[in-house]
N, C-alpha and C. Protein backbone atom coordinates (compact mmCIF):
# COMPACT_ATOMS: atom_id res chain seq x y z
N MET A 1 1.73 -11.48 -23.94
CA MET A 1 1.50 -11.48 -22.85
C MET A 1 0.81 -10.53 -22.18
N THR A 2 -0.48 -11.17 -21.90
CA THR A 2 -1.18 -10.14 -21.00
C THR A 2 -0.88 -10.15 -19.87
N LYS A 3 -1.30 -8.76 -19.24
CA LYS A 3 -1.12 -8.38 -17.46
C LYS A 3 -2.27 -8.68 -17.23
N ARG A 4 -2.05 -9.60 -16.05
CA ARG A 4 -3.12 -9.89 -15.23
C ARG A 4 -3.35 -8.72 -14.46
N ARG A 5 -5.15 -8.64 -14.35
CA ARG A 5 -5.67 -7.42 -13.47
C ARG A 5 -6.46 -8.17 -12.36
N PHE A 6 -5.96 -7.37 -10.81
CA PHE A 6 -7.04 -8.61 -10.36
C PHE A 6 -7.52 -7.05 -9.56
N LEU A 7 -8.68 -7.53 -8.44
CA LEU A 7 -10.37 -6.21 -8.50
C LEU A 7 -9.50 -5.48 -7.47
N PHE A 8 -8.26 -6.24 -6.49
CA PHE A 8 -8.20 -6.07 -5.48
C PHE A 8 -5.97 -5.91 -5.22
N THR A 9 -5.68 -4.73 -5.51
CA THR A 9 -4.30 -5.29 -4.93
C THR A 9 -3.85 -6.23 -3.83
N ALA A 10 -2.93 -6.93 -3.61
CA ALA A 10 -2.74 -7.78 -2.12
C ALA A 10 -2.78 -6.21 -0.81
N GLY A 11 -2.31 -5.19 -0.77
CA GLY A 11 -2.47 -4.32 -0.16
C GLY A 11 -3.41 -3.76 -0.15
N GLU A 12 -4.57 -3.95 -0.55
CA GLU A 12 -5.95 -3.07 -0.61
C GLU A 12 -7.10 -4.29 0.28
N ARG A 13 -6.18 -5.38 -0.08
CA ARG A 13 -6.87 -6.61 0.51
C ARG A 13 -6.55 -7.35 1.72
N LEU A 14 -5.07 -7.54 1.96
CA LEU A 14 -4.53 -6.63 3.58
C LEU A 14 -5.29 -5.58 4.44
N ARG A 15 -5.85 -4.46 3.89
CA ARG A 15 -6.23 -3.52 4.90
C ARG A 15 -7.47 -3.92 5.00
N GLY A 16 -8.48 -4.81 3.94
CA GLY A 16 -9.26 -5.45 4.12
C GLY A 16 -9.57 -6.03 5.30
N LEU A 17 -8.84 -6.56 5.01
CA LEU A 17 -8.62 -8.12 6.64
C LEU A 17 -8.29 -7.61 7.28
N ARG A 18 -8.01 -6.46 7.63
CA ARG A 18 -7.82 -5.42 9.05
C ARG A 18 -8.30 -5.09 9.30
N GLU A 19 -9.30 -4.14 9.03
CA GLU A 19 -10.87 -3.76 8.84
C GLU A 19 -11.75 -4.49 9.60
N LEU A 20 -11.51 -5.76 8.68
CA LEU A 20 -12.85 -6.99 8.94
C LEU A 20 -12.35 -7.35 10.32
N MET A 21 -11.75 -7.01 10.60
CA MET A 21 -11.21 -8.23 11.97
C MET A 21 -11.76 -6.96 13.44
N GLY A 22 -11.44 -5.41 12.82
CA GLY A 22 -11.32 -4.28 13.34
C GLY A 22 -10.34 -3.45 14.05
N LEU A 23 -9.41 -3.90 14.11
CA LEU A 23 -8.20 -3.92 14.14
C LEU A 23 -7.13 -2.95 13.68
N SER A 24 -6.55 -1.60 14.77
CA SER A 24 -5.15 -0.90 14.39
C SER A 24 -4.95 -1.11 13.00
N ARG A 25 -4.02 -0.32 11.91
CA ARG A 25 -2.96 -1.03 11.96
C ARG A 25 -1.66 -1.62 12.92
N PRO A 26 -1.23 -0.65 13.44
CA PRO A 26 -0.03 -1.32 15.57
C PRO A 26 -0.63 -2.07 15.32
N ALA A 27 -1.54 -2.93 15.89
CA ALA A 27 -2.48 -3.65 16.05
C ALA A 27 -2.27 -5.30 15.34
N PHE A 28 -3.20 -4.91 14.16
CA PHE A 28 -2.60 -5.51 13.05
C PHE A 28 -0.72 -6.29 13.10
N ALA A 29 -0.45 -5.34 12.52
CA ALA A 29 1.07 -5.63 12.20
C ALA A 29 2.34 -6.71 13.31
N GLU A 30 1.86 -5.89 14.81
CA GLU A 30 2.24 -6.42 16.01
C GLU A 30 1.75 -8.28 15.81
N ILE A 31 0.50 -8.13 15.21
CA ILE A 31 -0.07 -10.30 15.36
C ILE A 31 0.73 -11.03 14.35
N VAL A 32 0.34 -9.92 13.80
CA VAL A 32 1.39 -10.86 11.99
C VAL A 32 2.37 -10.80 12.19
N GLY A 33 3.38 -10.05 13.06
CA GLY A 33 4.58 -9.72 12.76
C GLY A 33 5.08 -8.65 11.49
N ILE A 34 4.40 -8.30 10.81
CA ILE A 34 5.00 -7.09 9.79
C ILE A 34 5.34 -5.20 10.89
N LYS A 35 6.16 -5.08 10.45
CA LYS A 35 6.40 -3.81 10.38
C LYS A 35 5.78 -2.37 10.65
N PRO A 36 5.05 -1.36 11.48
CA PRO A 36 4.01 -1.09 10.79
C PRO A 36 4.09 -0.05 9.72
N LYS A 37 4.70 0.88 9.81
CA LYS A 37 5.01 1.63 8.16
C LYS A 37 5.10 0.18 6.95
N ARG A 38 6.27 -0.76 7.39
CA ARG A 38 5.46 -1.09 6.06
C ARG A 38 4.44 -1.96 5.80
N LEU A 39 3.57 -2.12 6.89
CA LEU A 39 2.20 -2.81 6.24
C LEU A 39 1.01 -1.08 5.51
N GLU A 40 1.69 -0.13 6.13
CA GLU A 40 1.24 0.87 6.04
C GLU A 40 1.49 1.66 4.78
N ASN A 41 2.74 1.11 4.13
CA ASN A 41 3.44 1.39 2.76
C ASN A 41 2.82 0.77 1.83
N ILE A 42 2.30 -1.48 1.97
CA ILE A 42 1.80 -2.25 1.56
C ILE A 42 0.89 -1.86 1.28
N GLU A 43 -0.51 -1.74 2.06
CA GLU A 43 -1.84 -0.88 1.85
C GLU A 43 -2.14 -0.01 1.11
N ASN A 44 -0.93 0.76 1.41
CA ASN A 44 -1.17 1.87 0.41
C ASN A 44 -0.61 1.91 -1.14
N GLY A 45 -0.24 0.52 -1.34
CA GLY A 45 0.03 0.77 -2.35
C GLY A 45 2.13 1.53 -2.84
N TRP A 46 2.49 1.96 -1.36
CA TRP A 46 3.99 2.41 -2.38
C TRP A 46 4.73 1.43 -1.71
N GLN A 47 4.69 -0.38 -1.72
CA GLN A 47 5.91 -0.98 -1.07
C GLN A 47 4.87 -2.31 -2.33
N LYS A 48 5.32 -3.56 -2.97
CA LYS A 48 4.31 -4.67 -3.03
C LYS A 48 5.09 -5.44 -2.16
N MET A 49 4.01 -6.00 -1.53
CA MET A 49 3.46 -6.66 -0.78
C MET A 49 4.80 -8.70 -1.43
N HIS A 50 5.58 -8.56 -0.14
CA HIS A 50 6.95 -9.85 -0.71
C HIS A 50 6.48 -11.93 0.09
N ASP A 51 6.69 -11.92 -0.87
CA ASP A 51 6.76 -14.06 -0.20
C ASP A 51 6.62 -13.65 1.95
N GLU A 52 7.35 -13.27 1.48
CA GLU A 52 7.07 -13.41 3.54
C GLU A 52 6.26 -12.70 4.33
N ASP A 53 5.77 -11.80 3.83
CA ASP A 53 4.55 -10.77 4.26
C ASP A 53 3.24 -11.96 4.17
N PHE A 54 3.36 -12.73 2.63
CA PHE A 54 1.78 -13.35 3.02
C PHE A 54 2.20 -14.11 3.70
N GLU A 55 3.23 -14.94 4.16
CA GLU A 55 3.73 -15.47 4.94
C GLU A 55 3.17 -15.64 6.39
N LYS A 56 3.47 -14.63 7.02
CA LYS A 56 3.37 -13.81 7.79
C LYS A 56 1.53 -14.08 8.16
N VAL A 57 1.03 -13.41 7.16
CA VAL A 57 -0.84 -12.64 7.07
C VAL A 57 -1.11 -14.24 7.37
N CYS A 58 -0.42 -15.60 6.66
CA CYS A 58 -1.33 -16.77 6.23
C CYS A 58 -1.04 -17.74 7.44
N SER A 59 -0.12 -17.22 7.78
CA SER A 59 0.03 -17.73 8.90
C SER A 59 -0.87 -17.69 10.20
N VAL A 60 -1.11 -16.40 9.68
CA VAL A 60 -2.24 -16.42 11.50
C VAL A 60 -3.24 -16.22 10.74
N PHE A 61 -4.10 -16.01 9.61
CA PHE A 61 -5.29 -15.99 9.59
C PHE A 61 -5.57 -16.84 7.70
N GLU A 62 -5.10 -18.21 8.81
CA GLU A 62 -4.82 -19.35 7.54
C GLU A 62 -7.10 -19.04 6.38
N GLU A 63 -7.32 -19.04 7.18
CA GLU A 63 -8.80 -18.98 6.56
C GLU A 63 -9.11 -18.49 5.25
N PHE A 64 -7.78 -16.92 5.79
CA PHE A 64 -7.96 -15.89 4.80
C PHE A 64 -7.06 -16.04 3.09
N SER A 65 -6.08 -17.26 3.73
CA SER A 65 -5.03 -17.52 2.03
C SER A 65 -5.68 -17.66 1.35
N ARG A 66 -6.14 -18.19 1.50
CA ARG A 66 -6.66 -18.06 -0.22
C ARG A 66 -6.62 -16.71 -1.26
N TRP A 67 -7.57 -16.23 -0.51
CA TRP A 67 -8.14 -14.97 -1.45
C TRP A 67 -7.34 -14.09 -1.04
N ILE A 68 -5.77 -13.79 0.23
CA ILE A 68 -5.00 -12.20 0.44
C ILE A 68 -4.57 -12.92 -0.98
N ALA A 69 -3.62 -14.18 -1.22
CA ALA A 69 -2.44 -14.31 -2.33
C ALA A 69 -3.80 -15.06 -3.89
N TYR A 70 -5.12 -14.01 -4.07
CA TYR A 70 -5.14 -13.93 -5.48
C TYR A 70 -6.15 -15.65 -6.43
N GLU A 71 -6.09 -16.82 -5.22
CA GLU A 71 -6.53 -18.01 -5.08
C GLU A 71 -7.74 -18.25 -5.32
N GLY A 72 -8.16 -17.24 -4.37
CA GLY A 72 -10.12 -18.05 -4.70
C GLY A 72 -10.66 -16.98 -4.02
N PRO A 73 -12.13 -17.56 -2.98
CA PRO A 73 -13.11 -15.81 -2.49
C PRO A 73 -12.25 -16.67 -0.53
N VAL A 74 -12.75 -16.19 -0.07
CA VAL A 74 -12.76 -16.08 0.89
C VAL A 74 -14.19 -16.90 1.67
N ASP A 75 -13.61 -18.24 2.23
CA ASP A 75 -14.58 -19.02 2.40
C ASP A 75 -15.64 -18.51 3.13
N ARG A 76 -16.82 -18.34 3.14
CA ARG A 76 -18.19 -17.40 4.10
C ARG A 76 -18.02 -18.51 5.65
N HIS A 77 -18.32 -19.47 4.95
CA HIS A 77 -19.15 -20.03 6.55
C HIS A 77 -17.91 -20.44 7.29
N PRO A 78 -16.35 -20.16 7.51
CA PRO A 78 -15.34 -20.37 8.13
C PRO A 78 -15.84 -18.76 8.99
N LEU A 79 -15.36 -17.81 7.79
CA LEU A 79 -14.88 -16.31 8.55
C LEU A 79 -16.27 -16.33 9.33
N GLU A 80 -17.74 -16.64 8.64
CA GLU A 80 -18.69 -15.57 9.63
C GLU A 80 -18.38 -16.48 10.66
N LEU A 81 -17.91 -17.80 10.68
CA LEU A 81 -17.65 -18.23 12.41
C LEU A 81 -16.74 -17.19 13.82
N LYS A 82 -15.21 -17.19 12.38
CA LYS A 82 -13.86 -16.21 13.13
C LYS A 82 -13.94 -15.18 13.58
N VAL A 83 -14.78 -15.16 12.31
CA VAL A 83 -14.06 -13.33 12.26
C VAL A 83 -14.38 -12.19 13.96
N ALA A 84 -15.84 -12.26 14.21
CA ALA A 84 -15.62 -11.22 15.84
C ALA A 84 -14.51 -12.01 16.64
N ASP A 85 -15.30 -13.58 17.14
CA ASP A 85 -14.31 -13.78 17.75
C ASP A 85 -12.94 -13.57 17.68
N SER A 86 -12.35 -14.07 16.44
CA SER A 86 -11.11 -13.73 16.49
C SER A 86 -9.90 -12.42 16.26
N ALA A 87 -11.54 -11.67 16.48
CA ALA A 87 -11.08 -10.50 16.73
C ALA A 87 -10.80 -10.02 18.40
N GLN A 88 -12.01 -10.68 18.74
CA GLN A 88 -11.65 -10.00 19.93
C GLN A 88 -10.86 -11.13 20.77
N LYS A 89 -10.79 -11.81 20.70
CA LYS A 89 -9.11 -12.74 21.42
C LYS A 89 -8.01 -12.17 20.86
N ALA A 90 -8.10 -11.52 19.32
CA ALA A 90 -6.44 -10.46 18.85
C ALA A 90 -6.80 -9.53 19.98
N ALA A 91 -7.54 -8.63 20.22
CA ALA A 91 -7.42 -7.59 20.84
C ALA A 91 -7.38 -7.82 22.74
N VAL A 92 -7.68 -8.96 23.08
CA VAL A 92 -7.58 -9.49 24.67
C VAL A 92 -6.16 -9.51 25.11
N TYR A 93 -5.61 -10.29 23.75
CA TYR A 93 -3.77 -10.69 23.68
C TYR A 93 -2.65 -9.93 23.87
N LEU A 94 -3.77 -8.40 22.58
CA LEU A 94 -2.75 -8.08 22.54
C LEU A 94 -2.92 -7.02 23.72
N VAL A 95 -4.20 -6.82 24.92
CA VAL A 95 -4.12 -5.96 26.35
C VAL A 95 -3.68 -6.53 27.27
N LYS A 96 -3.59 -8.19 26.71
CA LYS A 96 -3.12 -8.93 27.55
C LYS A 96 -1.36 -8.74 28.43
N CYS A 97 -0.71 -8.50 26.95
CA CYS A 97 0.96 -8.55 27.06
C CYS A 97 1.02 -7.51 26.69
N ASN A 98 0.01 -6.10 27.17
CA ASN A 98 0.09 -4.66 26.43
C ASN A 98 -0.56 -4.04 27.56
N PRO A 99 -0.46 -4.15 29.28
CA PRO A 99 -1.42 -3.56 29.78
C PRO A 99 -1.69 -2.47 29.95
N ASP A 100 -0.54 -2.11 29.59
CA ASP A 100 -0.45 -0.47 29.60
C ASP A 100 -1.35 0.57 28.54
N LEU A 101 -1.80 -0.14 27.90
CA LEU A 101 -2.82 0.02 26.61
C LEU A 101 -4.05 0.46 26.91
N LEU A 102 -4.56 -0.02 28.80
CA LEU A 102 -5.02 0.57 29.42
C LEU A 102 -6.07 1.63 29.74
N GLU A 103 -4.32 2.55 29.59
CA GLU A 103 -4.23 4.06 30.46
C GLU A 103 -4.89 4.86 30.26
N SER A 104 -5.77 5.12 29.28
CA SER A 104 -6.73 5.87 28.84
C SER A 104 -7.69 5.59 28.29
N SER A 105 -7.84 4.31 28.86
CA SER A 105 -9.15 3.46 28.85
C SER A 105 -9.98 4.30 29.61
N GLY A 106 -9.91 4.16 31.12
CA GLY A 106 -10.83 4.38 32.50
C GLY A 106 -11.16 3.28 33.17
N ILE A 107 -10.66 2.33 32.80
CA ILE A 107 -10.50 0.82 33.24
C ILE A 107 -9.75 0.16 34.22
N SER A 108 -9.55 -0.55 35.04
CA SER A 108 -8.21 -1.23 35.56
C SER A 108 -7.48 -2.58 34.87
N LEU A 109 -7.20 -3.06 35.46
CA LEU A 109 -6.28 -4.21 34.75
C LEU A 109 -7.67 -4.86 35.57
N GLU A 110 -7.46 -5.09 36.90
CA GLU A 110 -8.42 -6.43 37.44
C GLU A 110 -9.68 -6.04 36.55
N GLU A 111 -10.72 -5.25 36.70
CA GLU A 111 -11.59 -5.28 35.97
C GLU A 111 -12.05 -5.54 34.55
N TRP A 112 -10.45 -5.22 33.71
CA TRP A 112 -10.81 -5.14 32.79
C TRP A 112 -10.93 -6.74 32.25
N ALA A 113 -9.67 -7.76 33.26
CA ALA A 113 -9.89 -9.14 33.55
C ALA A 113 -10.49 -9.48 33.73
N SER A 114 -11.49 -9.08 34.41
CA SER A 114 -12.97 -10.15 34.71
C SER A 114 -13.97 -9.84 34.00
N ARG A 115 -13.88 -9.05 33.13
CA ARG A 115 -15.01 -8.75 31.73
C ARG A 115 -14.77 -9.80 30.97
N HIS A 116 -13.11 -9.69 31.21
CA HIS A 116 -12.61 -10.80 29.75
C HIS A 116 -11.97 -12.07 30.26
N GLN A 117 -12.69 -12.50 31.34
CA GLN A 117 -12.09 -13.83 32.10
C GLN A 117 -12.02 -14.99 31.23
N ALA A 118 -13.55 -15.19 30.26
CA ALA A 118 -13.68 -16.35 29.68
C ALA A 118 -12.36 -16.73 28.42
N VAL A 119 -12.28 -15.28 27.47
CA VAL A 119 -11.47 -15.38 26.37
C VAL A 119 -10.16 -15.24 27.37
N LEU A 120 -9.58 -14.97 28.82
CA LEU A 120 -8.57 -15.04 28.86
C LEU A 120 -8.26 -16.85 29.54
N ASP A 121 -9.01 -17.21 29.78
CA ASP A 121 -9.36 -18.55 30.37
C ASP A 121 -8.77 -19.71 28.96
N GLU A 122 -9.13 -19.49 27.97
CA GLU A 122 -9.48 -20.24 26.91
C GLU A 122 -7.58 -19.75 25.83
N LEU A 123 -7.45 -18.61 26.32
CA LEU A 123 -6.35 -18.10 25.30
C LEU A 123 -5.13 -18.74 26.66
N SER A 124 -5.33 -19.01 27.94
CA SER A 124 -4.35 -19.86 28.66
C SER A 124 -4.17 -21.28 27.99
N ASP A 125 -5.34 -21.51 27.79
CA ASP A 125 -5.86 -22.96 27.76
C ASP A 125 -5.06 -23.18 26.32
N SER A 126 -4.86 -22.09 25.17
CA SER A 126 -4.54 -22.84 24.08
C SER A 126 -2.52 -22.93 24.16
N GLU A 127 -2.60 -21.78 25.30
CA GLU A 127 -0.97 -21.23 25.32
C GLU A 127 -0.20 -23.02 25.91
N ASP A 128 -1.23 -22.93 26.87
CA ASP A 128 -0.84 -24.41 28.11
C ASP A 128 -0.88 -25.74 27.25
N GLY A 129 -1.82 -25.86 25.88
CA GLY A 129 -1.60 -26.92 24.52
C GLY A 129 -0.69 -26.91 23.50
N ALA A 130 -0.14 -25.42 23.63
CA ALA A 130 1.13 -25.22 22.58
C ALA A 130 2.32 -25.93 23.39
N GLY A 131 2.95 -25.84 24.77
CA GLY A 131 4.08 -25.59 25.22
C GLY A 131 4.24 -26.85 25.85
């Protein structure tokens, strides 16, 4: 039996996805629901990615699920349309849920909210539609 070799490990693919989204490890971990230390261990190859980890990541980033699970390439068209938008929404959502993240930025919550009002409205609409 020949051992199947992949170009990138699951952890390397996960790190690539996180970096492509422009997210820090703690921010990405919070979004997908994986503990930051576990995410670090997976990315560095110190722990294997379990089915539960795949499910968490793929449920949040469905357009990457085939690639993360070695089932095919990243679908370029949805990727081009969604990456910048998803990263901005994720960042706005994180600050909305954790306003203390602004403390070292030199910007007030009110000023931040006015700069990101369109995204905040979109997030609010999607939350209202989900409930």
